[in-house]
């Protein structure tokens, strides 16, 4: 019984920690000032291109 309780506590702790670690992919003001840009805005492929080309593949 004690093992079950300890495993339940461990599982709950690990599960809640991973949920709180997930945040939106955004840049801080300092990162923006340093010239960083996001690779993907989550909506479009603006600025992306296929390998050895200047445009994005149709598919």
N, C-alpha and C. Protein backbone atom coordinates (compact mmCIF):
# COMPACT_ATOMS: atom_id res chain seq x y z
N UNK A 1 0.83 -1.20 0.00
CA UNK A 1 0.00 0.00 0.00
C UNK A 1 0.87 1.26 0.00
N UNK A 2 1.94 1.21 0.77
CA UNK A 2 2.82 2.37 0.86
C UNK A 2 3.46 2.66 -0.50
N UNK A 3 3.84 1.61 -1.23
CA UNK A 3 4.44 1.80 -2.55
C UNK A 3 3.46 2.46 -3.52
N UNK A 4 2.21 2.08 -3.45
CA UNK A 4 1.19 2.65 -4.33
C UNK A 4 1.03 4.14 -4.05
N UNK A 5 1.01 4.50 -2.79
CA UNK A 5 0.86 5.91 -2.42
C UNK A 5 2.08 6.71 -2.89
N UNK A 6 3.26 6.17 -2.67
CA UNK A 6 4.47 6.86 -3.09
C UNK A 6 4.55 6.99 -4.61
N UNK A 7 4.18 5.94 -5.32
CA UNK A 7 4.17 6.02 -6.79
C UNK A 7 3.13 7.01 -7.29
N UNK A 8 1.99 7.07 -6.62
CA UNK A 8 0.96 8.05 -7.00
C UNK A 8 1.45 9.47 -6.80
N UNK A 9 2.11 9.71 -5.69
CA UNK A 9 2.65 11.06 -5.42
C UNK A 9 3.72 11.40 -6.44
N UNK A 10 4.60 10.46 -6.73
CA UNK A 10 5.67 10.69 -7.71
C UNK A 10 5.09 10.99 -9.09
N UNK A 11 4.13 10.20 -9.52
CA UNK A 11 3.50 10.41 -10.82
C UNK A 11 2.82 11.76 -10.91
N UNK A 12 2.09 12.14 -9.88
CA UNK A 12 1.39 13.43 -9.85
C UNK A 12 2.39 14.58 -9.91
N UNK A 13 3.47 14.46 -9.16
CA UNK A 13 4.49 15.52 -9.15
C UNK A 13 5.14 15.67 -10.52
N UNK A 14 5.51 14.57 -11.12
CA UNK A 14 6.15 14.63 -12.44
C UNK A 14 5.20 15.13 -13.52
N UNK A 15 3.96 14.72 -13.45
CA UNK A 15 2.97 15.14 -14.44
C UNK A 15 2.69 16.63 -14.36
N UNK A 16 2.53 17.14 -13.16
CA UNK A 16 2.22 18.56 -13.01
C UNK A 16 3.42 19.43 -13.38
N UNK A 17 4.62 18.94 -13.15
CA UNK A 17 5.81 19.69 -13.51
C UNK A 17 5.97 19.84 -15.01
N UNK A 18 5.64 18.81 -15.76
CA UNK A 18 5.79 18.90 -17.21
C UNK A 18 4.72 19.79 -17.83
N UNK A 19 3.55 19.85 -17.24
CA UNK A 19 2.50 20.73 -17.76
C UNK A 19 2.85 22.19 -17.54
N UNK A 20 3.42 22.52 -16.41
CA UNK A 20 3.74 23.91 -16.14
C UNK A 20 4.97 24.37 -16.92
N UNK A 21 5.79 23.44 -17.40
CA UNK A 21 6.99 23.80 -18.14
C UNK A 21 6.68 24.20 -19.58
N UNK A 22 5.51 23.84 -20.09
CA UNK A 22 5.16 24.17 -21.45
C UNK A 22 4.62 25.60 -21.52
N UNK A 23 5.30 26.44 -22.27
CA UNK A 23 4.90 27.83 -22.41
C UNK A 23 4.82 28.17 -23.89
N UNK A 24 4.15 29.26 -24.19
CA UNK A 24 4.07 29.71 -25.57
C UNK A 24 5.45 30.08 -26.08
N UNK A 25 5.67 29.85 -27.35
CA UNK A 25 6.95 30.15 -27.97
C UNK A 25 7.00 31.63 -28.35
N UNK A 26 7.52 32.43 -27.46
CA UNK A 26 7.63 33.87 -27.68
C UNK A 26 9.03 34.33 -27.28
N UNK A 27 9.44 35.43 -27.86
CA UNK A 27 10.74 36.01 -27.53
C UNK A 27 10.58 37.08 -26.45
N UNK A 28 11.56 37.17 -25.58
CA UNK A 28 11.57 38.26 -24.60
C UNK A 28 12.02 39.53 -25.30
N UNK A 29 11.82 40.66 -24.66
CA UNK A 29 12.27 41.93 -25.24
C UNK A 29 13.79 41.93 -25.45
N UNK A 30 14.52 41.34 -24.52
CA UNK A 30 15.97 41.28 -24.65
C UNK A 30 16.38 40.44 -25.85
N UNK A 31 15.72 39.32 -26.07
CA UNK A 31 16.03 38.47 -27.22
C UNK A 31 15.74 39.20 -28.53
N UNK A 32 14.64 39.96 -28.56
CA UNK A 32 14.32 40.74 -29.76
C UNK A 32 15.39 41.79 -30.03
N UNK A 33 15.87 42.47 -28.97
CA UNK A 33 16.92 43.48 -29.12
C UNK A 33 18.22 42.86 -29.60
N UNK A 34 18.46 41.61 -29.23
CA UNK A 34 19.68 40.92 -29.64
C UNK A 34 19.59 40.38 -31.07
N UNK A 35 18.41 40.50 -31.70
CA UNK A 35 18.25 40.10 -33.09
C UNK A 35 17.71 38.70 -33.30
N UNK A 36 17.23 38.04 -32.25
CA UNK A 36 16.68 36.71 -32.38
C UNK A 36 15.33 36.77 -33.09
N UNK A 37 15.03 35.73 -33.87
CA UNK A 37 13.72 35.59 -34.50
C UNK A 37 13.23 34.16 -34.30
N UNK A 38 11.92 34.00 -34.23
CA UNK A 38 11.35 32.67 -34.09
C UNK A 38 11.38 31.95 -35.44
N UNK A 39 11.62 30.66 -35.42
CA UNK A 39 11.63 29.90 -36.66
C UNK A 39 10.23 29.65 -37.17
N UNK A 40 9.26 29.50 -36.28
CA UNK A 40 7.89 29.21 -36.68
C UNK A 40 6.94 29.99 -35.79
N UNK A 41 6.01 30.72 -36.41
CA UNK A 41 5.06 31.52 -35.64
C UNK A 41 3.83 30.73 -35.21
N UNK A 42 3.74 29.47 -35.63
CA UNK A 42 2.60 28.64 -35.26
C UNK A 42 1.41 28.78 -36.18
N UNK A 43 1.53 29.63 -37.20
CA UNK A 43 0.40 29.89 -38.08
C UNK A 43 0.74 29.72 -39.56
N UNK A 44 1.91 30.16 -39.96
CA UNK A 44 2.24 30.15 -41.38
C UNK A 44 3.70 29.76 -41.59
N UNK A 45 4.08 29.58 -42.83
CA UNK A 45 5.46 29.29 -43.18
C UNK A 45 6.15 30.52 -43.76
N UNK A 46 5.72 31.70 -43.36
CA UNK A 46 6.35 32.93 -43.85
C UNK A 46 7.84 32.91 -43.53
N UNK A 47 8.65 33.18 -44.54
CA UNK A 47 10.09 33.21 -44.37
C UNK A 47 10.77 31.86 -44.54
N UNK A 48 10.01 30.80 -44.70
CA UNK A 48 10.57 29.47 -44.89
C UNK A 48 10.79 29.22 -46.38
N UNK A 49 11.67 28.30 -46.69
CA UNK A 49 11.92 27.88 -48.07
C UNK A 49 12.39 26.44 -48.05
N UNK A 50 12.23 25.76 -49.18
CA UNK A 50 12.75 24.41 -49.26
C UNK A 50 14.24 24.46 -49.56
N UNK A 51 14.92 23.36 -49.32
CA UNK A 51 16.37 23.28 -49.48
C UNK A 51 16.78 23.63 -50.91
N UNK A 52 17.80 24.47 -51.04
CA UNK A 52 18.34 24.88 -52.33
C UNK A 52 17.33 25.56 -53.23
N UNK A 53 16.43 26.32 -52.65
CA UNK A 53 15.40 27.02 -53.41
C UNK A 53 15.13 28.36 -52.74
N UNK A 54 14.32 29.16 -53.41
CA UNK A 54 13.96 30.46 -52.84
C UNK A 54 12.50 30.52 -52.41
N UNK A 55 11.76 29.42 -52.64
CA UNK A 55 10.33 29.41 -52.26
C UNK A 55 10.00 28.13 -51.50
N UNK A 56 8.80 28.11 -50.92
CA UNK A 56 8.34 26.97 -50.16
C UNK A 56 7.64 25.98 -51.09
N UNK A 57 7.80 24.71 -50.79
CA UNK A 57 7.14 23.67 -51.60
C UNK A 57 5.63 23.82 -51.49
N UNK A 58 4.90 23.45 -52.54
CA UNK A 58 3.45 23.60 -52.56
C UNK A 58 2.76 22.68 -51.56
N UNK A 59 3.35 21.55 -51.26
CA UNK A 59 2.71 20.62 -50.34
C UNK A 59 3.26 20.79 -48.96
